[in-house]
Amino acid sequence: MPITIAVETPLQDDVRAMVAALNDYLIPLTPREFQFQLTVEQMGEPSVTLLVARDADGAPVGMGAIKDHGDGVAEIKRMYTYTQVRGERIGSQILAALEGLARERGMSRLVLETGEAPGFEPAWRVYERNGFNACGAVLDYPDSGFSRFYEKKLS
């Protein structure tokens, strides 16, 4: 499937719908106190850049964001592809584009937090296939046993 990936604002109805679909998928998997999703409004803050993947008709099929934490560290956030396009490597394309943005901006390290429960296996595969390595807790996330952490050094 040919797609385009571009920086977009999260404050669009079709992106809001994709964020809602992601939340619907994630919320049942982990206790709420150990979920750290950005809201659409937080995704619109200057420290966050959202990439949206769209199909040939312009419909969104996936997204991912990076959040700049300073000191050369960027965090991958809100990675998601709609179920009907899973297996087409769209997540890997989004992740590669996010890595490219981070490199352009002089970042030296990408980090992320994802769930540590059944249902997160597709996310683990995408990160591991794209050169991310499991690591200890990152940033200010608690090491609760409900999270899995990854990092990728860029320099």
Protein backbone atom coordinates (compact mmCIF):
# COMPACT_ATOMS: atom_id res chain seq x y z
CA MET A 1 0.00 0.00 0.00
CA PRO A 2 1.49 3.35 -0.98
CA ILE A 3 1.42 5.83 1.88
CA THR A 4 2.62 9.32 2.60
CA ILE A 5 4.00 10.32 5.99
CA ALA A 6 4.01 13.97 7.02
CA VAL A 7 4.12 16.22 10.06
CA GLU A 8 0.55 17.14 10.96
CA THR A 9 -1.38 18.71 13.79
CA PRO A 10 -3.18 16.28 16.07
CA LEU A 11 -6.09 18.73 16.28
CA GLN A 12 -7.97 17.18 13.34
CA ASP A 13 -11.08 15.04 13.58
CA ASP A 14 -9.57 12.04 11.77
CA VAL A 15 -6.46 12.14 13.97
CA ARG A 16 -8.60 12.50 17.10
CA ALA A 17 -10.49 9.39 15.95
CA MET A 18 -7.22 7.50 15.53
CA VAL A 19 -6.08 8.54 19.02
CA ALA A 20 -9.44 7.36 20.40
CA ALA A 21 -9.00 3.99 18.64
CA LEU A 22 -5.50 3.66 20.12
CA ASN A 23 -6.81 4.46 23.60
CA ASP A 24 -9.67 1.96 23.19
CA TYR A 25 -7.07 -0.70 22.39
CA LEU A 26 -4.65 0.20 25.22
CA ILE A 27 -6.89 0.99 28.17
CA PRO A 28 -8.01 -2.62 28.85
CA LEU A 29 -4.44 -3.96 28.76
CA THR A 30 -2.80 -2.23 31.74
CA PRO A 31 -4.01 -0.64 34.99
CA ARG A 32 -4.84 3.03 34.31
CA GLU A 33 -2.32 4.32 36.87
CA PHE A 34 0.45 2.77 34.75
CA GLN A 35 -0.67 4.26 31.43
CA PHE A 36 1.09 7.36 30.18
CA GLN A 37 -0.72 8.43 27.01
CA LEU A 38 -0.48 11.98 25.73
CA THR A 39 -3.83 13.62 25.06
CA VAL A 40 -4.46 15.16 21.65
CA GLU A 41 -3.92 18.58 23.22
CA GLN A 42 -0.58 17.49 24.73
CA MET A 43 0.41 16.12 21.33
CA GLY A 44 -0.05 19.66 19.99
CA GLU A 45 2.55 21.14 22.35
CA PRO A 46 5.76 22.55 20.79
CA SER A 47 7.95 19.78 22.23
CA VAL A 48 5.95 17.12 20.36
CA THR A 49 6.00 16.40 16.61
CA LEU A 50 3.31 14.13 15.20
CA LEU A 51 3.70 12.19 11.97
CA VAL A 52 0.59 10.84 10.26
CA ALA A 53 0.63 8.12 7.60
CA ARG A 54 -2.11 8.43 5.00
CA ASP A 55 -3.17 6.11 2.21
CA ALA A 56 -3.60 7.09 -1.45
CA ASP A 57 -7.08 8.43 -0.69
CA GLY A 58 -5.80 10.64 2.13
CA ALA A 59 -7.27 8.57 4.94
CA PRO A 60 -5.09 8.18 8.03
CA VAL A 61 -3.74 4.67 8.56
CA GLY A 62 -1.14 5.25 11.27
CA MET A 63 0.71 7.74 13.42
CA GLY A 64 3.65 8.25 15.72
CA ALA A 65 5.20 11.16 17.57
CA ILE A 66 8.46 12.24 19.12
CA LYS A 67 8.72 14.36 22.22
CA ASP A 68 11.90 16.37 22.74
CA HIS A 69 13.12 16.02 26.33
CA GLY A 70 16.27 18.09 25.83
CA ASP A 71 19.89 17.01 26.20
CA GLY A 72 19.68 15.04 22.94
CA VAL A 73 16.90 12.71 24.13
CA ALA A 74 13.66 12.23 22.21
CA GLU A 75 10.83 9.92 23.23
CA ILE A 76 8.68 7.91 20.83
CA LYS A 77 4.99 8.39 21.69
CA ARG A 78 1.56 7.36 20.37
CA MET A 79 2.70 4.79 17.81
CA TYR A 80 -0.34 3.20 16.18
CA THR A 81 -1.61 1.69 12.95
CA TYR A 82 -5.19 0.74 12.25
CA THR A 83 -5.75 -3.01 12.44
CA GLN A 84 -6.71 -3.31 8.75
CA VAL A 85 -3.18 -2.26 7.67
CA ARG A 86 -1.16 -4.18 10.26
CA GLY A 87 1.49 -6.39 8.72
CA GLU A 88 2.17 -3.92 5.89
CA ARG A 89 5.20 -2.42 7.71
CA ILE A 90 3.56 0.99 8.07
CA GLY A 91 4.66 1.14 11.72
CA SER A 92 8.25 0.57 10.63
CA GLN A 93 7.96 3.34 8.04
CA ILE A 94 6.60 5.75 10.65
CA LEU A 95 9.34 4.76 13.09
CA ALA A 96 12.03 5.31 10.42
CA ALA A 97 10.59 8.74 9.66
CA LEU A 98 10.58 9.63 13.37
CA GLU A 99 14.19 8.49 13.65
CA GLY A 100 15.05 10.64 10.64
CA LEU A 101 13.44 13.68 12.30
CA ALA A 102 15.34 13.00 15.50
CA ARG A 103 18.63 12.77 13.61
CA GLU A 104 17.88 16.02 11.72
CA ARG A 105 17.29 17.70 15.06
CA GLY A 106 20.58 16.47 16.49
CA MET A 107 19.13 13.94 18.91
CA SER A 108 21.55 11.30 20.13
CA ARG A 109 19.12 8.88 21.79
CA LEU A 110 15.55 7.71 21.25
CA VAL A 111 13.68 6.15 24.17
CA LEU A 112 10.19 4.81 24.70
CA GLU A 113 7.87 3.22 27.22
CA THR A 114 5.32 0.62 26.16
CA GLY A 115 3.23 -1.95 27.95
CA GLU A 116 4.48 -5.23 29.40
CA ALA A 117 1.38 -7.38 28.94
CA PRO A 118 -0.29 -9.61 26.38
CA GLY A 119 -1.48 -7.40 23.53
CA PHE A 120 1.75 -5.42 23.22
CA GLU A 121 3.66 -8.05 21.22
CA PRO A 122 3.16 -6.27 17.86
CA ALA A 123 4.70 -3.10 19.31
CA TRP A 124 7.68 -5.01 20.71
CA ARG A 125 8.30 -6.58 17.29
CA VAL A 126 8.24 -3.22 15.50
CA TYR A 127 10.70 -1.65 17.93
CA GLU A 128 13.06 -4.64 18.01
CA ARG A 129 13.05 -5.04 14.21
CA ASN A 130 14.00 -1.38 13.94
CA GLY A 131 17.06 -1.53 16.16
CA PHE A 132 15.63 -0.63 19.55
CA ASN A 133 17.03 -2.50 22.54
CA ALA A 134 15.25 -3.26 25.80
CA CYS A 135 16.65 -1.20 28.66
CA GLY A 136 15.88 -0.13 32.21
CA ALA A 137 13.31 2.52 33.11
CA VAL A 138 13.72 5.75 31.15
CA LEU A 139 12.93 9.38 31.92
CA ASP A 140 10.68 9.62 34.97
CA TYR A 141 8.63 6.47 34.35
CA PRO A 142 8.22 4.11 37.30
CA ASP A 143 9.70 0.63 37.00
CA SER A 144 6.35 -0.93 37.90
CA GLY A 145 6.48 -4.21 36.01
CA PHE A 146 3.66 -2.92 33.78
CA SER A 147 6.05 -1.16 31.38
CA ARG A 148 8.74 -2.26 28.96
CA PHE A 149 11.40 0.27 28.01
CA TYR A 150 13.46 0.59 24.83
CA GLU A 151 16.24 2.81 23.60
CA LYS A 152 18.17 3.40 20.39
CA LYS A 153 21.41 5.36 20.28
CA LEU A 154 21.63 7.57 17.20
CA SER A 155 25.23 8.76 17.42
